Amino acid sequence: MKRLMPILLIFLLLVIIKTNIDSLIKSLRNENKVADLKKELVEEGKKNQFLKEKLLYVKTDQFVEREAREKLGLTKKGEYFVIAPTSTPLNQEKIVIDTKPNWRKWLDLFF
């Protein structure tokens, strides 16, 4: 019995140490999760603030007018909408059209 007592005591201490280490590791993981969630909360708060400001801008007459002009091509009374011609590139290659009849193209292809 005297020999068994120290072994049981050591085993009990090892179980207690392991339990404490496990709880310490779990606590550290939870702290990391909390820190990550706080960062995510800050980022979402910034995103929310940006979207609120954008919503306020979208509700303004200035935004409506800009969208009507740019996307719908609308104008105010007395204004004219002018479409300017676009310039062509200077080094534009000429397209060569083959005027051979189809039977001649087939003949050239196989013979």
PDB file of N, CA and C in Angstrom:
ATOM      1  N   MET A   1       0.804  -1.181   0.000  1.00  0.00           N
ATOM      2  CA  MET A   1       0.000   0.000   0.000  1.00  0.00           C
ATOM      3  C   MET A   1       0.862   1.265   0.000  1.00  0.00           C
ATOM      4  N   LYS A   2       1.998   1.226   0.684  1.00  0.00           N
ATOM      5  CA  LYS A   2       2.872   2.390   0.734  1.00  0.00           C
ATOM      6  C   LYS A   2       3.477   2.677  -0.639  1.00  0.00           C
ATOM      7  N   ARG A   3       3.719   1.651  -1.430  1.00  0.00           N
ATOM      8  CA  ARG A   3       4.282   1.865  -2.762  1.00  0.00           C
ATOM      9  C   ARG A   3       3.212   2.386  -3.742  1.00  0.00           C
ATOM     10  N   LEU A   4       2.008   1.995  -3.529  1.00  0.00           N
ATOM     11  CA  LEU A   4       0.911   2.394  -4.400  1.00  0.00           C
ATOM     12  C   LEU A   4       0.496   3.852  -4.171  1.00  0.00           C
ATOM     13  N   MET A   5       0.626   4.352  -2.991  1.00  0.00           N
ATOM     14  CA  MET A   5       0.222   5.714  -2.642  1.00  0.00           C
ATOM     15  C   MET A   5       0.999   6.776  -3.438  1.00  0.00           C
ATOM     16  N   PRO A   6       2.320   6.749  -3.546  1.00  0.00           N
ATOM     17  CA  PRO A   6       3.021   7.768  -4.335  1.00  0.00           C
ATOM     18  C   PRO A   6       2.652   7.705  -5.821  1.00  0.00           C
ATOM     19  N   ILE A   7       2.431   6.509  -6.343  1.00  0.00           N
ATOM     20  CA  ILE A   7       2.063   6.375  -7.756  1.00  0.00           C
ATOM     21  C   ILE A   7       0.690   7.008  -7.990  1.00  0.00           C
ATOM     22  N   LEU A   8      -0.255   6.762  -7.103  1.00  0.00           N
ATOM     23  CA  LEU A   8      -1.580   7.373  -7.221  1.00  0.00           C
ATOM     24  C   LEU A   8      -1.512   8.887  -7.078  1.00  0.00           C
ATOM     25  N   LEU A   9      -0.676   9.361  -6.202  1.00  0.00           N
ATOM     26  CA  LEU A   9      -0.504  10.797  -6.000  1.00  0.00           C
ATOM     27  C   LEU A   9       0.089  11.444  -7.253  1.00  0.00           C
ATOM     28  N   ILE A  10       1.083  10.816  -7.846  1.00  0.00           N
ATOM     29  CA  ILE A  10       1.700  11.343  -9.079  1.00  0.00           C
ATOM     30  C   ILE A  10       0.672  11.329 -10.214  1.00  0.00           C
ATOM     31  N   PHE A  11      -0.075  10.253 -10.329  1.00  0.00           N
ATOM     32  CA  PHE A  11      -1.105  10.165 -11.366  1.00  0.00           C
ATOM     33  C   PHE A  11      -2.162  11.253 -11.189  1.00  0.00           C
ATOM     34  N   LEU A  12      -2.587  11.481  -9.965  1.00  0.00           N
ATOM     35  CA  LEU A  12      -3.568  12.516  -9.674  1.00  0.00           C
ATOM     36  C   LEU A  12      -3.028  13.904 -10.018  1.00  0.00           C
ATOM     37  N   LEU A  13      -1.782  14.159  -9.683  1.00  0.00           N
ATOM     38  CA  LEU A  13      -1.156  15.447 -10.005  1.00  0.00           C
ATOM     39  C   LEU A  13      -1.032  15.634 -11.518  1.00  0.00           C
ATOM     40  N   LEU A  14      -0.684  14.580 -12.239  1.00  0.00           N
ATOM     41  CA  LEU A  14      -0.588  14.677 -13.700  1.00  0.00           C
ATOM     42  C   LEU A  14      -1.955  14.983 -14.335  1.00  0.00           C
ATOM     43  N   VAL A  15      -3.004  14.373 -13.827  1.00  0.00           N
ATOM     44  CA  VAL A  15      -4.353  14.654 -14.335  1.00  0.00           C
ATOM     45  C   VAL A  15      -4.735  16.097 -14.060  1.00  0.00           C
ATOM     46  N   ILE A  16      -4.416  16.597 -12.885  1.00  0.00           N
ATOM     47  CA  ILE A  16      -4.723  17.993 -12.532  1.00  0.00           C
ATOM     48  C   ILE A  16      -3.930  18.951 -13.414  1.00  0.00           C
ATOM     49  N   ILE A  17      -2.657  18.660 -13.649  1.00  0.00           N
ATOM     50  CA  ILE A  17      -1.818  19.517 -14.502  1.00  0.00           C
ATOM     51  C   ILE A  17      -2.345  19.530 -15.936  1.00  0.00           C
ATOM     52  N   LYS A  18      -2.697  18.350 -16.447  1.00  0.00           N
ATOM     53  CA  LYS A  18      -3.225  18.267 -17.808  1.00  0.00           C
ATOM     54  C   LYS A  18      -4.524  19.052 -17.933  1.00  0.00           C
ATOM     55  N   THR A  19      -5.402  18.960 -16.978  1.00  0.00           N
ATOM     56  CA  THR A  19      -6.664  19.684 -16.996  1.00  0.00           C
ATOM     57  C   THR A  19      -6.423  21.192 -16.985  1.00  0.00           C
ATOM     58  N   ASN A  20      -5.486  21.636 -16.177  1.00  0.00           N
ATOM     59  CA  ASN A  20      -5.155  23.066 -16.115  1.00  0.00           C
ATOM     60  C   ASN A  20      -4.560  23.556 -17.431  1.00  0.00           C
ATOM     61  N   ILE A  21      -3.681  22.754 -18.013  1.00  0.00           N
ATOM     62  CA  ILE A  21      -3.070  23.151 -19.292  1.00  0.00           C
ATOM     63  C   ILE A  21      -4.139  23.220 -20.381  1.00  0.00           C
ATOM     64  N   ASP A  22      -5.039  22.250 -20.413  1.00  0.00           N
ATOM     65  CA  ASP A  22      -6.124  22.270 -21.399  1.00  0.00           C
ATOM     66  C   ASP A  22      -7.016  23.504 -21.242  1.00  0.00           C
ATOM     67  N   SER A  23      -7.343  23.833 -20.016  1.00  0.00           N
ATOM     68  CA  SER A  23      -8.184  25.004 -19.796  1.00  0.00           C
ATOM     69  C   SER A  23      -7.443  26.295 -20.159  1.00  0.00           C
ATOM     70  N   LEU A  24      -6.128  26.334 -19.916  1.00  0.00           N
ATOM     71  CA  LEU A  24      -5.326  27.498 -20.285  1.00  0.00           C
ATOM     72  C   LEU A  24      -5.276  27.657 -21.803  1.00  0.00           C
ATOM     73  N   ILE A  25      -5.084  26.576 -22.527  1.00  0.00           N
ATOM     74  CA  ILE A  25      -5.048  26.625 -23.991  1.00  0.00           C
ATOM     75  C   ILE A  25      -6.408  27.063 -24.536  1.00  0.00           C
ATOM     76  N   LYS A  26      -7.481  26.532 -23.974  1.00  0.00           N
ATOM     77  CA  LYS A  26      -8.822  26.910 -24.398  1.00  0.00           C
ATOM     78  C   LYS A  26      -9.079  28.391 -24.147  1.00  0.00           C
ATOM     79  N   SER A  27      -8.601  28.879 -23.027  1.00  0.00           N
ATOM     80  CA  SER A  27      -8.759  30.293 -22.695  1.00  0.00           C
ATOM     81  C   SER A  27      -8.001  31.182 -23.684  1.00  0.00           C
ATOM     82  N   LEU A  28      -6.784  30.790 -24.045  1.00  0.00           N
ATOM     83  CA  LEU A  28      -6.011  31.564 -25.020  1.00  0.00           C
ATOM     84  C   LEU A  28      -6.684  31.566 -26.393  1.00  0.00           C
ATOM     85  N   ARG A  29      -7.228  30.436 -26.796  1.00  0.00           N
ATOM     86  CA  ARG A  29      -7.942  30.370 -28.079  1.00  0.00           C
ATOM     87  C   ARG A  29      -9.164  31.289 -28.053  1.00  0.00           C
ATOM     88  N   ASN A  30      -9.868  31.297 -26.954  1.00  0.00           N
ATOM     89  CA  ASN A  30     -11.044  32.160 -26.843  1.00  0.00           C
ATOM     90  C   ASN A  30     -10.661  33.635 -26.903  1.00  0.00           C
ATOM     91  N   GLU A  31      -9.534  33.992 -26.294  1.00  0.00           N
ATOM     92  CA  GLU A  31      -9.069  35.377 -26.351  1.00  0.00           C
ATOM     93  C   GLU A  31      -8.736  35.772 -27.786  1.00  0.00           C
ATOM     94  N   ASN A  32      -8.115  34.861 -28.540  1.00  0.00           N
ATOM     95  CA  ASN A  32      -7.807  35.145 -29.940  1.00  0.00           C
ATOM     96  C   ASN A  32      -9.087  35.315 -30.753  1.00  0.00           C
ATOM     97  N   LYS A  33     -10.075  34.471 -30.473  1.00  0.00           N
ATOM     98  CA  LYS A  33     -11.349  34.600 -31.179  1.00  0.00           C
ATOM     99  C   LYS A  33     -12.013  35.925 -30.869  1.00  0.00           C
ATOM    100  N   VAL A  34     -11.951  36.337 -29.607  1.00  0.00           N
ATOM    101  CA  VAL A  34     -12.559  37.613 -29.209  1.00  0.00           C
ATOM    102  C   VAL A  34     -11.859  38.774 -29.917  1.00  0.00           C
ATOM    103  N   ALA A  35     -10.535  38.717 -29.995  1.00  0.00           N
ATOM    104  CA  ALA A  35      -9.793  39.782 -30.671  1.00  0.00           C
ATOM    105  C   ALA A  35     -10.149  39.824 -32.158  1.00  0.00           C
ATOM    106  N   ASP A  36     -10.252  38.668 -32.798  1.00  0.00           N
ATOM    107  CA  ASP A  36     -10.635  38.616 -34.206  1.00  0.00           C
ATOM    108  C   ASP A  36     -12.041  39.160 -34.418  1.00  0.00           C
ATOM    109  N   LEU A  37     -12.945  38.808 -33.537  1.00  0.00           N
ATOM    110  CA  LEU A  37     -14.316  39.289 -33.667  1.00  0.00           C
ATOM    111  C   LEU A  37     -14.407  40.804 -33.445  1.00  0.00           C
ATOM    112  N   LYS A  38     -13.570  41.335 -32.555  1.00  0.00           N
ATOM    113  CA  LYS A  38     -13.557  42.786 -32.341  1.00  0.00           C
ATOM    114  C   LYS A  38     -13.060  43.502 -33.593  1.00  0.00           C
ATOM    115  N   LYS A  39     -12.010  42.946 -34.230  1.00  0.00           N
ATOM    116  CA  LYS A  39     -11.513  43.539 -35.481  1.00  0.00           C
ATOM    117  C   LYS A  39     -12.586  43.494 -36.556  1.00  0.00           C
ATOM    118  N   GLU A  40     -13.272  42.377 -36.647  1.00  0.00           N
ATOM    119  CA  GLU A  40     -14.339  42.232 -37.640  1.00  0.00           C
ATOM    120  C   GLU A  40     -15.470  43.215 -37.360  1.00  0.00           C
ATOM    121  N   LEU A  41     -15.767  43.429 -36.089  1.00  0.00           N
ATOM    122  CA  LEU A  41     -16.811  44.379 -35.715  1.00  0.00           C
ATOM    123  C   LEU A  41     -16.429  45.799 -36.133  1.00  0.00           C
ATOM    124  N   VAL A  42     -15.173  46.164 -35.933  1.00  0.00           N
ATOM    125  CA  VAL A  42     -14.708  47.493 -36.337  1.00  0.00           C
ATOM    126  C   VAL A  42     -14.811  47.653 -37.850  1.00  0.00           C
ATOM    127  N   GLU A  43     -14.392  46.625 -38.604  1.00  0.00           N
ATOM    128  CA  GLU A  43     -14.460  46.692 -40.065  1.00  0.00           C
ATOM    129  C   GLU A  43     -15.909  46.802 -40.543  1.00  0.00           C
ATOM    130  N   GLU A  44     -16.791  46.033 -39.933  1.00  0.00           N
ATOM    131  CA  GLU A  44     -18.202  46.095 -40.313  1.00  0.00           C
ATOM    132  C   GLU A  44     -18.808  47.445 -39.939  1.00  0.00           C
ATOM    133  N   GLY A  45     -18.350  48.031 -38.843  1.00  0.00           N
ATOM    134  CA  GLY A  45     -18.826  49.358 -38.466  1.00  0.00           C
ATOM    135  C   GLY A  45     -18.415  50.406 -39.492  1.00  0.00           C
ATOM    136  N   LYS A  46     -17.171  50.313 -39.975  1.00  0.00           N
ATOM    137  CA  LYS A  46     -16.705  51.242 -41.012  1.00  0.00           C
ATOM    138  C   LYS A  46     -17.510  51.052 -42.291  1.00  0.00           C
ATOM    139  N   LYS A  47     -17.738  49.804 -42.647  1.00  0.00           N
ATOM    140  CA  LYS A  47     -18.515  49.501 -43.849  1.00  0.00           C
ATOM    141  C   LYS A  47     -19.938  50.042 -43.705  1.00  0.00           C
ATOM    142  N   ASN A  48     -20.510  49.889 -42.536  1.00  0.00           N
ATOM    143  CA  ASN A  48     -21.862  50.386 -42.268  1.00  0.00           C
ATOM    144  C   ASN A  48     -21.905  51.907 -42.385  1.00  0.00           C
ATOM    145  N   GLN A  49     -20.904  52.576 -41.844  1.00  0.00           N
ATOM    146  CA  GLN A  49     -20.844  54.034 -41.919  1.00  0.00           C
ATOM    147  C   GLN A  49     -20.741  54.501 -43.365  1.00  0.00           C
ATOM    148  N   PHE A  50     -19.901  53.819 -44.155  1.00  0.00           N
ATOM    149  CA  PHE A  50     -19.755  54.157 -45.570  1.00  0.00           C
ATOM    150  C   PHE A  50     -21.080  53.995 -46.302  1.00  0.00           C
ATOM    151  N   LEU A  51     -21.774  52.895 -46.035  1.00  0.00           N
ATOM    152  CA  LEU A  51     -23.046  52.657 -46.713  1.00  0.00           C
ATOM    153  C   LEU A  51     -24.108  53.661 -46.292  1.00  0.00           C
ATOM    154  N   LYS A  52     -24.076  54.090 -45.023  1.00  0.00           N
ATOM    155  CA  LYS A  52     -25.024  55.125 -44.580  1.00  0.00           C
ATOM    156  C   LYS A  52     -24.767  56.437 -45.311  1.00  0.00           C
ATOM    157  N   GLU A  53     -23.486  56.816 -45.447  1.00  0.00           N
ATOM    158  CA  GLU A  53     -23.148  58.047 -46.164  1.00  0.00           C
ATOM    159  C   GLU A  53     -23.543  57.948 -47.631  1.00  0.00           C
ATOM    160  N   LYS A  54     -23.328  56.779 -48.224  1.00  0.00           N
ATOM    161  CA  LYS A  54     -23.704  56.590 -49.626  1.00  0.00           C
ATOM    162  C   LYS A  54     -25.219  56.683 -49.786  1.00  0.00           C
ATOM    163  N   LEU A  55     -25.954  56.137 -48.840  1.00  0.00           N
ATOM    164  CA  LEU A  55     -27.415  56.218 -48.889  1.00  0.00           C
ATOM    165  C   LEU A  55     -27.876  57.674 -48.820  1.00  0.00           C
ATOM    166  N   LEU A  56     -27.248  58.458 -47.950  1.00  0.00           N
ATOM    167  CA  LEU A  56     -27.607  59.879 -47.864  1.00  0.00           C
ATOM    168  C   LEU A  56     -27.330  60.584 -49.192  1.00  0.00           C
ATOM    169  N   TYR A  57     -26.206  60.239 -49.847  1.00  0.00           N
ATOM    170  CA  TYR A  57     -25.863  60.858 -51.128  1.00  0.00           C
ATOM    171  C   TYR A  57     -26.842  60.429 -52.219  1.00  0.00           C
ATOM    172  N   VAL A  58     -27.237  59.166 -52.201  1.00  0.00           N
ATOM    173  CA  VAL A  58     -28.158  58.659 -53.219  1.00  0.00           C
ATOM    174  C   VAL A  58     -29.511  59.339 -53.119  1.00  0.00           C
ATOM    175  N   LYS A  59     -29.895  59.755 -51.946  1.00  0.00           N
ATOM    176  CA  LYS A  59     -31.194  60.413 -51.752  1.00  0.00           C
ATOM    177  C   LYS A  59     -31.186  61.874 -52.199  1.00  0.00           C
ATOM    178  N   THR A  60     -30.027  62.437 -52.525  1.00  0.00           N
ATOM    179  CA  THR A  60     -29.951  63.852 -52.901  1.00  0.00           C
ATOM    180  C   THR A  60     -30.364  64.056 -54.353  1.00  0.00           C
ATOM    181  N   ASP A  61     -30.767  65.286 -54.668  1.00  0.00           N
ATOM    182  CA  ASP A  61     -31.134  65.645 -56.044  1.00  0.00           C
ATOM    183  C   ASP A  61     -29.913  65.646 -56.951  1.00  0.00           C
ATOM    184  N   GLN A  62     -28.763  65.966 -56.400  1.00  0.00           N
ATOM    185  CA  GLN A  62     -27.523  65.995 -57.180  1.00  0.00           C
ATOM    186  C   GLN A  62     -27.238  64.613 -57.770  1.00  0.00           C
ATOM    187  N   PHE A  63     -27.418  63.576 -56.986  1.00  0.00           N
ATOM    188  CA  PHE A  63     -27.183  62.220 -57.467  1.00  0.00           C
ATOM    189  C   PHE A  63     -28.186  61.848 -58.561  1.00  0.00           C
ATOM    190  N   VAL A  64     -29.443  62.176 -58.342  1.00  0.00           N
ATOM    191  CA  VAL A  64     -30.481  61.849 -59.319  1.00  0.00           C
ATOM    192  C   VAL A  64     -30.190  62.542 -60.644  1.00  0.00           C
ATOM    193  N   GLU A  65     -29.801  63.806 -60.567  1.00  0.00           N
ATOM    194  CA  GLU A  65     -29.492  64.553 -61.789  1.00  0.00           C
ATOM    195  C   GLU A  65     -28.292  63.947 -62.515  1.00  0.00           C
ATOM    196  N   ARG A  66     -27.256  63.595 -61.765  1.00  0.00           N
ATOM    197  CA  ARG A  66     -26.053  63.016 -62.382  1.00  0.00           C
ATOM    198  C   ARG A  66     -26.372  61.683 -63.062  1.00  0.00           C
ATOM    199  N   GLU A  67     -27.147  60.856 -62.397  1.00  0.00           N
ATOM    200  CA  GLU A  67     -27.509  59.566 -62.978  1.00  0.00           C
ATOM    201  C   GLU A  67     -28.368  59.761 -64.236  1.00  0.00           C
ATOM    202  N   ALA A  68     -29.286  60.728 -64.196  1.00  0.00           N
ATOM    203  CA  ALA A  68     -30.139  60.980 -65.353  1.00  0.00           C
ATOM    204  C   ALA A  68     -29.313  61.458 -66.536  1.00  0.00           C
ATOM    205  N   ARG A  69     -28.321  62.269 -66.280  1.00  0.00           N
ATOM    206  CA  ARG A  69     -27.476  62.778 -67.360  1.00  0.00           C
ATOM    207  C   ARG A  69     -26.550  61.695 -67.912  1.00  0.00           C
ATOM    208  N   GLU A  70     -25.868  60.959 -67.027  1.00  0.00           N
ATOM    209  CA  GLU A  70     -24.855  60.007 -67.473  1.00  0.00           C
ATOM    210  C   GLU A  70     -25.454  58.715 -68.018  1.00  0.00           C
ATOM    211  N   LYS A  71     -26.392  58.141 -67.320  1.00  0.00           N
ATOM    212  CA  LYS A  71     -26.876  56.822 -67.709  1.00  0.00           C
ATOM    213  C   LYS A  71     -28.094  56.869 -68.631  1.00  0.00           C
ATOM    214  N   LEU A  72     -28.922  57.876 -68.483  1.00  0.00           N
ATOM    215  CA  LEU A  72     -30.136  57.933 -69.287  1.00  0.00           C
ATOM    216  C   LEU A  72     -30.028  58.922 -70.439  1.00  0.00           C
ATOM    217  N   GLY A  73     -29.015  59.780 -70.414  1.00  0.00           N
ATOM    218  CA  GLY A  73     -28.832  60.744 -71.492  1.00  0.00           C
ATOM    219  C   GLY A  73     -29.863  61.859 -71.484  1.00  0.00           C
ATOM    220  N   LEU A  74     -30.448  62.139 -70.345  1.00  0.00           N
ATOM    221  CA  LEU A  74     -31.452  63.196 -70.251  1.00  0.00           C
ATOM    222  C   LEU A  74     -30.775  64.555 -70.096  1.00  0.00           C
ATOM    223  N   THR A  75     -31.485  65.596 -70.498  1.00  0.00           N
ATOM    224  CA  THR A  75     -30.952  66.957 -70.390  1.00  0.00           C
ATOM    225  C   THR A  75     -32.005  67.856 -69.753  1.00  0.00           C
ATOM    226  N   LYS A  76     -31.532  69.033 -69.342  1.00  0.00           N
ATOM    227  CA  LYS A  76     -32.451  70.033 -68.807  1.00  0.00           C
ATOM    228  C   LYS A  76     -33.059  70.799 -69.972  1.00  0.00           C
ATOM    229  N   LYS A  77     -34.074  71.601 -69.677  1.00  0.00           N
ATOM    230  CA  LYS A  77     -34.697  72.419 -70.708  1.00  0.00           C
ATOM    231  C   LYS A  77     -33.670  73.400 -71.259  1.00  0.00           C
ATOM    232  N   GLY A  78     -33.602  73.494 -72.577  1.00  0.00           N
ATOM    233  CA  GLY A  78     -32.686  74.430 -73.209  1.00  0.00           C
ATOM    234  C   GLY A  78     -31.301  73.843 -73.464  1.00  0.00           C
ATOM    235  N   GLU A  79     -31.023  72.663 -72.988  1.00  0.00           N
ATOM    236  CA  GLU A  79     -29.727  72.015 -73.232  1.00  0.00           C
ATOM    237  C   GLU A  79     -29.881  71.011 -74.365  1.00  0.00           C
ATOM    238  N   TYR A  80     -28.756  70.755 -75.035  1.00  0.00           N
ATOM    239  CA  TYR A  80     -28.760  69.785 -76.120  1.00  0.00           C
ATOM    240  C   TYR A  80     -27.746  68.698 -75.818  1.00  0.00           C
ATOM    241  N   PHE A  81     -28.092  67.500 -76.198  1.00  0.00           N
ATOM    242  CA  PHE A  81     -27.204  66.354 -76.005  1.00  0.00           C
ATOM    243  C   PHE A  81     -26.451  66.145 -77.310  1.00  0.00           C
ATOM    244  N   VAL A  82     -25.129  66.284 -77.276  1.00  0.00           N
ATOM    245  CA  VAL A  82     -24.310  66.177 -78.473  1.00  0.00           C
ATOM    246  C   VAL A  82     -23.445  64.933 -78.368  1.00  0.00           C
ATOM    247  N   ILE A  83     -23.465  64.148 -79.440  1.00  0.00           N
ATOM    248  CA  ILE A  83     -22.603  62.970 -79.510  1.00  0.00           C
ATOM    249  C   ILE A  83     -21.502  63.285 -80.503  1.00  0.00           C
ATOM    250  N   ALA A  84     -20.279  63.371 -80.010  1.00  0.00           N
ATOM    251  CA  ALA A  84     -19.147  63.691 -80.865  1.00  0.00           C
ATOM    252  C   ALA A  84     -18.629  62.410 -81.512  1.00  0.00           C
ATOM    253  N   PRO A  85     -18.192  62.509 -82.765  1.00  0.00           N
ATOM    254  CA  PRO A  85     -17.651  61.313 -83.417  1.00  0.00           C
ATOM    255  C   PRO A  85     -16.317  60.919 -82.780  1.00  0.00           C
ATOM    256  N   THR A  86     -16.094  59.637 -82.749  1.00  0.00           N
ATOM    257  CA  THR A  86     -14.839  59.153 -82.176  1.00  0.00           C
ATOM    258  C   THR A  86     -13.788  59.085 -83.271  1.00  0.00           C
ATOM    259  N   SER A  87     -12.561  59.283 -82.891  1.00  0.00           N
ATOM    260  CA  SER A  87     -11.487  59.241 -83.874  1.00  0.00           C
ATOM    261  C   SER A  87     -11.083  57.796 -84.135  1.00  0.00           C
ATOM    262  N   THR A  88     -10.645  57.537 -85.363  1.00  0.00           N
ATOM    263  CA  THR A  88     -10.197  56.187 -85.718  1.00  0.00           C
ATOM    264  C   THR A  88      -8.694  56.121 -85.557  1.00  0.00           C
ATOM    265  N   PRO A  89      -8.162  54.968 -85.253  1.00  0.00           N
ATOM    266  CA  PRO A  89      -6.708  54.853 -85.119  1.00  0.00           C
ATOM    267  C   PRO A  89      -6.019  55.100 -86.458  1.00  0.00           C
ATOM    268  N   LEU A  90      -4.832  55.690 -86.421  1.00  0.00           N
ATOM    269  CA  LEU A  90      -4.109  56.028 -87.634  1.00  0.00           C
ATOM    270  C   LEU A  90      -3.562  54.786 -88.342  1.00  0.00           C
ATOM    271  N   ASN A  91      -3.153  53.803 -87.602  1.00  0.00           N
ATOM    272  CA  ASN A  91      -2.547  52.613 -88.189  1.00  0.00           C
ATOM    273  C   ASN A  91      -3.568  51.487 -88.316  1.00  0.00           C
ATOM    274  N   GLN A  92      -4.698  51.783 -88.872  1.00  0.00           N
ATOM    275  CA  GLN A  92      -5.741  50.776 -89.010  1.00  0.00           C
ATOM    276  C   GLN A  92      -5.426  49.913 -90.230  1.00  0.00           C
ATOM    277  N   GLU A  93      -5.427  48.612 -90.027  1.00  0.00           N
ATOM    278  CA  GLU A  93      -5.126  47.698 -91.122  1.00  0.00           C
ATOM    279  C   GLU A  93      -6.341  47.583 -92.036  1.00  0.00           C
ATOM    280  N   LYS A  94      -6.056  47.450 -93.329  1.00  0.00           N
ATOM    281  CA  LYS A  94      -7.134  47.308 -94.292  1.00  0.00           C
ATOM    282  C   LYS A  94      -7.544  45.851 -94.357  1.00  0.00           C
ATOM    283  N   ILE A  95      -8.819  45.633 -94.475  1.00  0.00           N
ATOM    284  CA  ILE A  95      -9.353  44.284 -94.567  1.00  0.00           C
ATOM    285  C   ILE A  95      -9.388  43.900 -96.042  1.00  0.00           C
ATOM    286  N   VAL A  96      -8.768  42.774 -96.363  1.00  0.00           N
ATOM    287  CA  VAL A  96      -8.733  42.306 -97.746  1.00  0.00           C
ATOM    288  C   VAL A  96      -9.864  41.298 -97.930  1.00  0.00           C
ATOM    289  N   ILE A  97     -10.716  41.557 -98.894  1.00  0.00           N
ATOM    290  CA  ILE A  97     -11.838  40.676 -99.171  1.00  0.00           C
ATOM    291  C   ILE A  97     -11.477  39.820-100.378  1.00  0.00           C
ATOM    292  N   ASP A  98     -11.567  38.520-100.178  1.00  0.00           N
ATOM    293  CA  ASP A  98     -11.251  37.592-101.260  1.00  0.00           C
ATOM    294  C   ASP A  98     -12.480  37.465-102.163  1.00  0.00           C
ATOM    295  N   THR A  99     -12.321  37.800-103.447  1.00  0.00           N
ATOM    296  CA  THR A  99     -13.461  37.796-104.368  1.00  0.00           C
ATOM    297  C   THR A  99     -13.521  36.531-105.213  1.00  0.00           C
ATOM    298  N   LYS A 100     -12.704  35.541-104.901  1.00  0.00           N
ATOM    299  CA  LYS A 100     -12.754  34.290-105.655  1.00  0.00           C
ATOM    300  C   LYS A 100     -14.079  33.584-105.381  1.00  0.00           C
ATOM    301  N   PRO A 101     -14.607  32.881-106.347  1.00  0.00           N
ATOM    302  CA  PRO A 101     -15.813  32.088-106.086  1.00  0.00           C
ATOM    303  C   PRO A 101     -15.495  30.921-105.164  1.00  0.00           C
ATOM    304  N   ASN A 102     -16.518  30.439-104.485  1.00  0.00           N
ATOM    305  CA  ASN A 102     -16.331  29.377-103.502  1.00  0.00           C
ATOM    306  C   ASN A 102     -15.752  28.112-104.124  1.00  0.00           C
ATOM    307  N   TRP A 103     -16.171  27.731-105.328  1.00  0.00           N
ATOM    308  CA  TRP A 103     -15.645  26.514-105.942  1.00  0.00           C
ATOM    309  C   TRP A 103     -14.150  26.609-106.156  1.00  0.00           C
ATOM    310  N   ARG A 104     -13.672  27.846-106.450  1.00  0.00           N
ATOM    311  CA  ARG A 104     -12.235  28.045-106.688  1.00  0.00           C
ATOM    312  C   ARG A 104     -11.463  27.948-105.355  1.00  0.00           C
ATOM    313  N   LYS A 105     -12.067  28.452-104.261  1.00  0.00           N
ATOM    314  CA  LYS A 105     -11.435  28.356-102.942  1.00  0.00           C
ATOM    315  C   LYS A 105     -11.299  26.901-102.519  1.00  0.00           C
ATOM    316  N   TRP A 106     -12.333  26.085-102.758  1.00  0.00           N
ATOM    317  CA  TRP A 106     -12.271  24.670-102.420  1.00  0.00           C
ATOM    318  C   TRP A 106     -11.207  23.953-103.251  1.00  0.00           C
ATOM    319  N   LEU A 107     -11.168  24.306-104.510  1.00  0.00           N
ATOM    320  CA  LEU A 107     -10.186  23.688-105.402  1.00  0.00           C
ATOM    321  C   LEU A 107      -8.760  24.027-104.955  1.00  0.00           C
ATOM    322  N   ASP A 108      -8.547  25.276-104.558  1.00  0.00           N
ATOM    323  CA  ASP A 108      -7.221  25.703-104.082  1.00  0.00           C
ATOM    324  C   ASP A 108      -6.879  25.025-102.747  1.00  0.00           C
ATOM    325  N   LEU A 109      -7.875  24.779-101.943  1.00  0.00           N
ATOM    326  CA  LEU A 109      -7.639  24.165-100.648  1.00  0.00           C
ATOM    327  C   LEU A 109      -7.187  22.720-100.786  1.00  0.00           C
ATOM    328  N   PHE A 110      -7.797  21.948-101.695  1.00  0.00           N
ATOM    329  CA  PHE A 110      -7.467  20.533-101.785  1.00  0.00           C
ATOM    330  C   PHE A 110      -6.374  20.225-102.824  1.00  0.00           C
ATOM    331  N   PHE A 111      -6.154  21.099-103.776  1.00  0.00           N
ATOM    332  CA  PHE A 111      -5.142  20.789-104.814  1.00  0.00           C
ATOM    333  C   PHE A 111      -4.096  21.816-104.904  1.00  0.00           C
TER     334      PHE A 111
END
